[in-house]
Amino acid sequence: MSAAEFKRWLSAMNYTGRAAAKALGISAASVVNYQANGAPPSIRAMCRALYPNQMEAIYPWEGRNK
C-alpha cells in the first residue's frame, strides 16, 4: 500500500475509525516513515493495539502485564 493509498484509506474511514487510529498513534506519516525503512506496516503491532485481549490469547507473552 503506497502512502497515497494509505492516506486515501484513512480519509475514507468513518469518524470512529479515524478516532481509533488517532488514539493508537497510527498516522499516515508514521506508516510512511516505517515504510521508508523498507518494512511493511506491522500487522501484529496494529492487532496488539486494537485487540490486546485477543493478542494475549494468541501470544501469551504479549499480554498487558508484560
PDB file of N, CA and C in Angstrom:
ATOM      1  N   MET A   1       0.851  -1.193   0.000  1.00  0.00           N
ATOM      2  CA  MET A   1       0.000   0.000   0.000  1.00  0.00           C
ATOM      3  C   MET A   1       0.886   1.242   0.000  1.00  0.00           C
ATOM      4  N   SER A   2       0.674   2.054  -0.976  1.00  0.00           N
ATOM      5  CA  SER A   2       1.503   3.261  -1.073  1.00  0.00           C
ATOM      6  C   SER A   2       1.038   4.304  -0.065  1.00  0.00           C
ATOM      7  N   ALA A   3       1.841   5.329   0.099  1.00  0.00           N
ATOM      8  CA  ALA A   3       1.493   6.400   1.041  1.00  0.00           C
ATOM      9  C   ALA A   3       0.183   7.065   0.643  1.00  0.00           C
ATOM     10  N   ALA A   4       0.020   7.324  -0.661  1.00  0.00           N
ATOM     11  CA  ALA A   4      -1.206   7.979  -1.121  1.00  0.00           C
ATOM     12  C   ALA A   4      -2.416   7.091  -0.866  1.00  0.00           C
ATOM     13  N   GLU A   5      -2.257   5.798  -1.124  1.00  0.00           N
ATOM     14  CA  GLU A   5      -3.370   4.871  -0.878  1.00  0.00           C
ATOM     15  C   GLU A   5      -3.722   4.847   0.603  1.00  0.00           C
ATOM     16  N   PHE A   6      -2.692   4.846   1.450  1.00  0.00           N
ATOM     17  CA  PHE A   6      -2.959   4.793   2.886  1.00  0.00           C
ATOM     18  C   PHE A   6      -3.683   6.053   3.350  1.00  0.00           C
ATOM     19  N   LYS A   7      -3.257   7.215   2.841  1.00  0.00           N
ATOM     20  CA  LYS A   7      -3.934   8.462   3.211  1.00  0.00           C
ATOM     21  C   LYS A   7      -5.374   8.454   2.717  1.00  0.00           C
ATOM     22  N   ARG A   8      -5.585   7.921   1.499  1.00  0.00           N
ATOM     23  CA  ARG A   8      -6.942   7.850   0.961  1.00  0.00           C
ATOM     24  C   ARG A   8      -7.787   6.914   1.823  1.00  0.00           C
ATOM     25  N   TRP A   9      -7.181   5.791   2.264  1.00  0.00           N
ATOM     26  CA  TRP A   9      -7.895   4.843   3.117  1.00  0.00           C
ATOM     27  C   TRP A   9      -8.238   5.491   4.455  1.00  0.00           C
ATOM     28  N   LEU A  10      -7.272   6.245   5.014  1.00  0.00           N
ATOM     29  CA  LEU A  10      -7.534   6.923   6.285  1.00  0.00           C
ATOM     30  C   LEU A  10      -8.684   7.913   6.136  1.00  0.00           C
ATOM     31  N   SER A  11      -8.667   8.695   5.037  1.00  0.00           N
ATOM     32  CA  SER A  11      -9.701   9.714   4.854  1.00  0.00           C
ATOM     33  C   SER A  11     -11.053   9.069   4.578  1.00  0.00           C
ATOM     34  N   ALA A  12     -11.047   7.846   4.058  1.00  0.00           N
ATOM     35  CA  ALA A  12     -12.304   7.161   3.760  1.00  0.00           C
ATOM     36  C   ALA A  12     -12.896   6.484   4.994  1.00  0.00           C
ATOM     37  N   MET A  13     -12.092   6.344   6.041  1.00  0.00           N
ATOM     38  CA  MET A  13     -12.586   5.709   7.263  1.00  0.00           C
ATOM     39  C   MET A  13     -13.637   6.597   7.917  1.00  0.00           C
ATOM     40  N   ASN A  14     -14.553   5.976   8.658  1.00  0.00           N
ATOM     41  CA  ASN A  14     -15.555   6.770   9.353  1.00  0.00           C
ATOM     42  C   ASN A  14     -14.914   7.439  10.568  1.00  0.00           C
ATOM     43  N   TYR A  15     -15.680   8.262  11.258  1.00  0.00           N
ATOM     44  CA  TYR A  15     -15.110   9.053  12.356  1.00  0.00           C
ATOM     45  C   TYR A  15     -14.534   8.172  13.452  1.00  0.00           C
ATOM     46  N   THR A  16     -15.260   7.123  13.831  1.00  0.00           N
ATOM     47  CA  THR A  16     -14.777   6.267  14.916  1.00  0.00           C
ATOM     48  C   THR A  16     -13.481   5.587  14.504  1.00  0.00           C
ATOM     49  N   GLY A  17     -13.385   5.210  13.230  1.00  0.00           N
ATOM     50  CA  GLY A  17     -12.153   4.598  12.749  1.00  0.00           C
ATOM     51  C   GLY A  17     -10.989   5.570  12.830  1.00  0.00           C
ATOM     52  N   ARG A  18     -11.237   6.829  12.421  1.00  0.00           N
ATOM     53  CA  ARG A  18     -10.174   7.830  12.496  1.00  0.00           C
ATOM     54  C   ARG A  18      -9.798   8.090  13.943  1.00  0.00           C
ATOM     55  N   ALA A  19     -10.801   8.150  14.833  1.00  0.00           N
ATOM     56  CA  ALA A  19     -10.521   8.401  16.242  1.00  0.00           C
ATOM     57  C   ALA A  19      -9.679   7.270  16.820  1.00  0.00           C
ATOM     58  N   ALA A  20     -10.002   6.034  16.435  1.00  0.00           N
ATOM     59  CA  ALA A  20      -9.235   4.890  16.940  1.00  0.00           C
ATOM     60  C   ALA A  20      -7.804   4.947  16.423  1.00  0.00           C
ATOM     61  N   ALA A  21      -7.646   5.247  15.131  1.00  0.00           N
ATOM     62  CA  ALA A  21      -6.306   5.324  14.565  1.00  0.00           C
ATOM     63  C   ALA A  21      -5.511   6.442  15.228  1.00  0.00           C
ATOM     64  N   LYS A  22      -6.186   7.562  15.497  1.00  0.00           N
ATOM     65  CA  LYS A  22      -5.510   8.694  16.133  1.00  0.00           C
ATOM     66  C   LYS A  22      -5.092   8.320  17.549  1.00  0.00           C
ATOM     67  N   ALA A  23      -5.992   7.652  18.280  1.00  0.00           N
ATOM     68  CA  ALA A  23      -5.693   7.265  19.654  1.00  0.00           C
ATOM     69  C   ALA A  23      -4.533   6.277  19.698  1.00  0.00           C
ATOM     70  N   LEU A  24      -4.446   5.435  18.667  1.00  0.00           N
ATOM     71  CA  LEU A  24      -3.377   4.435  18.637  1.00  0.00           C
ATOM     72  C   LEU A  24      -2.088   5.010  18.064  1.00  0.00           C
ATOM     73  N   GLY A  25      -2.156   6.255  17.586  1.00  0.00           N
ATOM     74  CA  GLY A  25      -0.962   6.858  17.016  1.00  0.00           C
ATOM     75  C   GLY A  25      -0.624   6.298  15.650  1.00  0.00           C
ATOM     76  N   ILE A  26      -1.611   5.680  14.988  1.00  0.00           N
ATOM     77  CA  ILE A  26      -1.376   5.153  13.640  1.00  0.00           C
ATOM     78  C   ILE A  26      -1.717   6.263  12.655  1.00  0.00           C
ATOM     79  N   SER A  27      -0.715   6.982  12.194  1.00  0.00           N
ATOM     80  CA  SER A  27      -0.946   8.060  11.240  1.00  0.00           C
ATOM     81  C   SER A  27      -0.279   7.715   9.923  1.00  0.00           C
ATOM     82  N   ALA A  28      -0.698   8.403   8.879  1.00  0.00           N
ATOM     83  CA  ALA A  28      -0.082   8.162   7.576  1.00  0.00           C
ATOM     84  C   ALA A  28       1.415   8.429   7.650  1.00  0.00           C
ATOM     85  N   ALA A  29       1.794   9.461   8.393  1.00  0.00           N
ATOM     86  CA  ALA A  29       3.219   9.811   8.492  1.00  0.00           C
ATOM     87  C   ALA A  29       4.016   8.688   9.136  1.00  0.00           C
ATOM     88  N   SER A  30       3.484   8.103  10.213  1.00  0.00           N
ATOM     89  CA  SER A  30       4.234   7.046  10.896  1.00  0.00           C
ATOM     90  C   SER A  30       4.386   5.828   9.995  1.00  0.00           C
ATOM     91  N   VAL A  31       3.345   5.498   9.243  1.00  0.00           N
ATOM     92  CA  VAL A  31       3.429   4.341   8.354  1.00  0.00           C
ATOM     93  C   VAL A  31       4.395   4.624   7.211  1.00  0.00           C
ATOM     94  N   VAL A  32       4.345   5.842   6.672  1.00  0.00           N
ATOM     95  CA  VAL A  32       5.247   6.196   5.576  1.00  0.00           C
ATOM     96  C   VAL A  32       6.690   6.161   6.065  1.00  0.00           C
ATOM     97  N   ASN A  33       6.943   6.690   7.267  1.00  0.00           N
ATOM     98  CA  ASN A  33       8.302   6.660   7.809  1.00  0.00           C
ATOM     99  C   ASN A  33       8.757   5.224   8.004  1.00  0.00           C
ATOM    100  N   TYR A  34       7.845   4.366   8.460  1.00  0.00           N
ATOM    101  CA  TYR A  34       8.188   2.962   8.673  1.00  0.00           C
ATOM    102  C   TYR A  34       8.497   2.300   7.334  1.00  0.00           C
ATOM    103  N   GLN A  35       7.697   2.603   6.317  1.00  0.00           N
ATOM    104  CA  GLN A  35       7.921   2.005   5.005  1.00  0.00           C
ATOM    105  C   GLN A  35       9.200   2.535   4.372  1.00  0.00           C
ATOM    106  N   ALA A  36       9.612   3.754   4.734  1.00  0.00           N
ATOM    107  CA  ALA A  36      10.838   4.316   4.176  1.00  0.00           C
ATOM    108  C   ALA A  36      12.030   3.460   4.567  1.00  0.00           C
ATOM    109  N   ASN A  37      11.921   2.747   5.688  1.00  0.00           N
ATOM    110  CA  ASN A  37      12.992   1.856   6.127  1.00  0.00           C
ATOM    111  C   ASN A  37      12.890   0.490   5.457  1.00  0.00           C
ATOM    112  N   GLY A  38      11.960   0.339   4.516  1.00  0.00           N
ATOM    113  CA  GLY A  38      11.853  -0.894   3.764  1.00  0.00           C
ATOM    114  C   GLY A  38      11.015  -1.961   4.431  1.00  0.00           C
ATOM    115  N   ALA A  39      10.199  -1.575   5.411  1.00  0.00           N
ATOM    116  CA  ALA A  39       9.379  -2.561   6.113  1.00  0.00           C
ATOM    117  C   ALA A  39       7.904  -2.247   5.897  1.00  0.00           C
ATOM    118  N   PRO A  40       7.066  -3.273   5.754  1.00  0.00           N
ATOM    119  CA  PRO A  40       5.628  -3.041   5.651  1.00  0.00           C
ATOM    120  C   PRO A  40       5.068  -2.711   7.034  1.00  0.00           C
ATOM    121  N   PRO A  41       3.869  -2.128   7.114  1.00  0.00           N
ATOM    122  CA  PRO A  41       3.276  -1.873   8.427  1.00  0.00           C
ATOM    123  C   PRO A  41       3.144  -3.177   9.200  1.00  0.00           C
ATOM    124  N   SER A  42       3.422  -3.136  10.487  1.00  0.00           N
ATOM    125  CA  SER A  42       3.369  -4.344  11.298  1.00  0.00           C
ATOM    126  C   SER A  42       1.926  -4.688  11.627  1.00  0.00           C
ATOM    127  N   ILE A  43       1.435  -5.754  11.010  1.00  0.00           N
ATOM    128  CA  ILE A  43       0.068  -6.188  11.284  1.00  0.00           C
ATOM    129  C   ILE A  43      -0.056  -6.579  12.753  1.00  0.00           C
ATOM    130  N   ARG A  44       0.972  -7.261  13.274  1.00  0.00           N
ATOM    131  CA  ARG A  44       0.901  -7.702  14.662  1.00  0.00           C
ATOM    132  C   ARG A  44       0.848  -6.503  15.603  1.00  0.00           C
ATOM    133  N   ALA A  45       1.600  -5.435  15.282  1.00  0.00           N
ATOM    134  CA  ALA A  45       1.580  -4.249  16.138  1.00  0.00           C
ATOM    135  C   ALA A  45       0.195  -3.603  16.128  1.00  0.00           C
ATOM    136  N   MET A  46      -0.424  -3.531  14.943  1.00  0.00           N
ATOM    137  CA  MET A  46      -1.764  -2.951  14.867  1.00  0.00           C
ATOM    138  C   MET A  46      -2.762  -3.824  15.622  1.00  0.00           C
ATOM    139  N   CYS A  47      -2.640  -5.154  15.469  1.00  0.00           N
ATOM    140  CA  CYS A  47      -3.553  -6.058  16.159  1.00  0.00           C
ATOM    141  C   CYS A  47      -3.345  -5.970  17.667  1.00  0.00           C
ATOM    142  N   ARG A  48      -2.086  -5.824  18.083  1.00  0.00           N
ATOM    143  CA  ARG A  48      -1.803  -5.735  19.515  1.00  0.00           C
ATOM    144  C   ARG A  48      -2.454  -4.487  20.099  1.00  0.00           C
ATOM    145  N   ALA A  49      -2.437  -3.387  19.330  1.00  0.00           N
ATOM    146  CA  ALA A  49      -3.026  -2.139  19.807  1.00  0.00           C
ATOM    147  C   ALA A  49      -4.550  -2.199  19.769  1.00  0.00           C
ATOM    148  N   LEU A  50      -5.097  -2.826  18.716  1.00  0.00           N
ATOM    149  CA  LEU A  50      -6.543  -2.856  18.554  1.00  0.00           C
ATOM    150  C   LEU A  50      -7.202  -3.925  19.420  1.00  0.00           C
ATOM    151  N   TYR A  51      -6.565  -5.104  19.511  1.00  0.00           N
ATOM    152  CA  TYR A  51      -7.176  -6.235  20.199  1.00  0.00           C
ATOM    153  C   TYR A  51      -6.218  -6.839  21.225  1.00  0.00           C
ATOM    154  N   PRO A  52      -5.905  -6.097  22.310  1.00  0.00           N
ATOM    155  CA  PRO A  52      -4.928  -6.617  23.281  1.00  0.00           C
ATOM    156  C   PRO A  52      -5.359  -7.935  23.905  1.00  0.00           C
ATOM    157  N   ASN A  53      -6.673  -8.104  24.155  1.00  0.00           N
ATOM    158  CA  ASN A  53      -7.125  -9.338  24.800  1.00  0.00           C
ATOM    159  C   ASN A  53      -6.956 -10.535  23.874  1.00  0.00           C
ATOM    160  N   GLN A  54      -7.304 -10.361  22.598  1.00  0.00           N
ATOM    161  CA  GLN A  54      -7.139 -11.453  21.654  1.00  0.00           C
ATOM    162  C   GLN A  54      -5.666 -11.770  21.451  1.00  0.00           C
ATOM    163  N   MET A  55      -4.829 -10.728  21.416  1.00  0.00           N
ATOM    164  CA  MET A  55      -3.401 -10.956  21.236  1.00  0.00           C
ATOM    165  C   MET A  55      -2.856 -11.740  22.418  1.00  0.00           C
ATOM    166  N   GLU A  56      -3.382 -11.455  23.610  1.00  0.00           N
ATOM    167  CA  GLU A  56      -2.924 -12.174  24.796  1.00  0.00           C
ATOM    168  C   GLU A  56      -3.302 -13.645  24.696  1.00  0.00           C
ATOM    169  N   ALA A  57      -4.469 -13.912  24.094  1.00  0.00           N
ATOM    170  CA  ALA A  57      -4.904 -15.298  23.945  1.00  0.00           C
ATOM    171  C   ALA A  57      -4.038 -16.031  22.921  1.00  0.00           C
ATOM    172  N   ILE A  58      -3.654 -15.310  21.852  1.00  0.00           N
ATOM    173  CA  ILE A  58      -2.869 -15.949  20.791  1.00  0.00           C
ATOM    174  C   ILE A  58      -1.389 -15.966  21.140  1.00  0.00           C
ATOM    175  N   TYR A  59      -0.899 -14.829  21.667  1.00  0.00           N
ATOM    176  CA  TYR A  59       0.520 -14.709  22.038  1.00  0.00           C
ATOM    177  C   TYR A  59       0.588 -14.348  23.524  1.00  0.00           C
ATOM    178  N   PRO A  60       0.617 -15.340  24.412  1.00  0.00           N
ATOM    179  CA  PRO A  60       0.556 -15.054  25.863  1.00  0.00           C
ATOM    180  C   PRO A  60       1.649 -14.105  26.326  1.00  0.00           C
ATOM    181  N   TRP A  61       2.809 -14.112  25.662  1.00  0.00           N
ATOM    182  CA  TRP A  61       3.909 -13.254  26.106  1.00  0.00           C
ATOM    183  C   TRP A  61       3.702 -11.800  25.687  1.00  0.00           C
ATOM    184  N   GLU A  62       2.620 -11.523  24.950  1.00  0.00           N
ATOM    185  CA  GLU A  62       2.363 -10.147  24.532  1.00  0.00           C
ATOM    186  C   GLU A  62       1.163  -9.563  25.274  1.00  0.00           C
ATOM    187  N   GLY A  63       0.902 -10.047  26.464  1.00  0.00           N
ATOM    188  CA  GLY A  63      -0.226  -9.553  27.234  1.00  0.00           C
ATOM    189  C   GLY A  63       0.036  -8.182  27.819  1.00  0.00           C
ATOM    190  N   ARG A  64      -1.005  -7.622  28.470  1.00  0.00           N
ATOM    191  CA  ARG A  64      -0.892  -6.280  29.048  1.00  0.00           C
ATOM    192  C   ARG A  64       0.148  -6.237  30.162  1.00  0.00           C
ATOM    193  N   ASN A  65       0.311  -7.345  30.882  1.00  0.00           N
ATOM    194  CA  ASN A  65       1.171  -7.342  32.070  1.00  0.00           C
ATOM    195  C   ASN A  65       2.614  -7.668  31.741  1.00  0.00           C
ATOM    196  N   LYS A  66       2.994  -7.425  30.475  1.00  0.00           N
ATOM    197  CA  LYS A  66       4.345  -7.785  30.043  1.00  0.00           C
ATOM    198  C   LYS A  66       5.378  -6.983  30.832  1.00  0.00           C
TER     199      LYS A  66
END
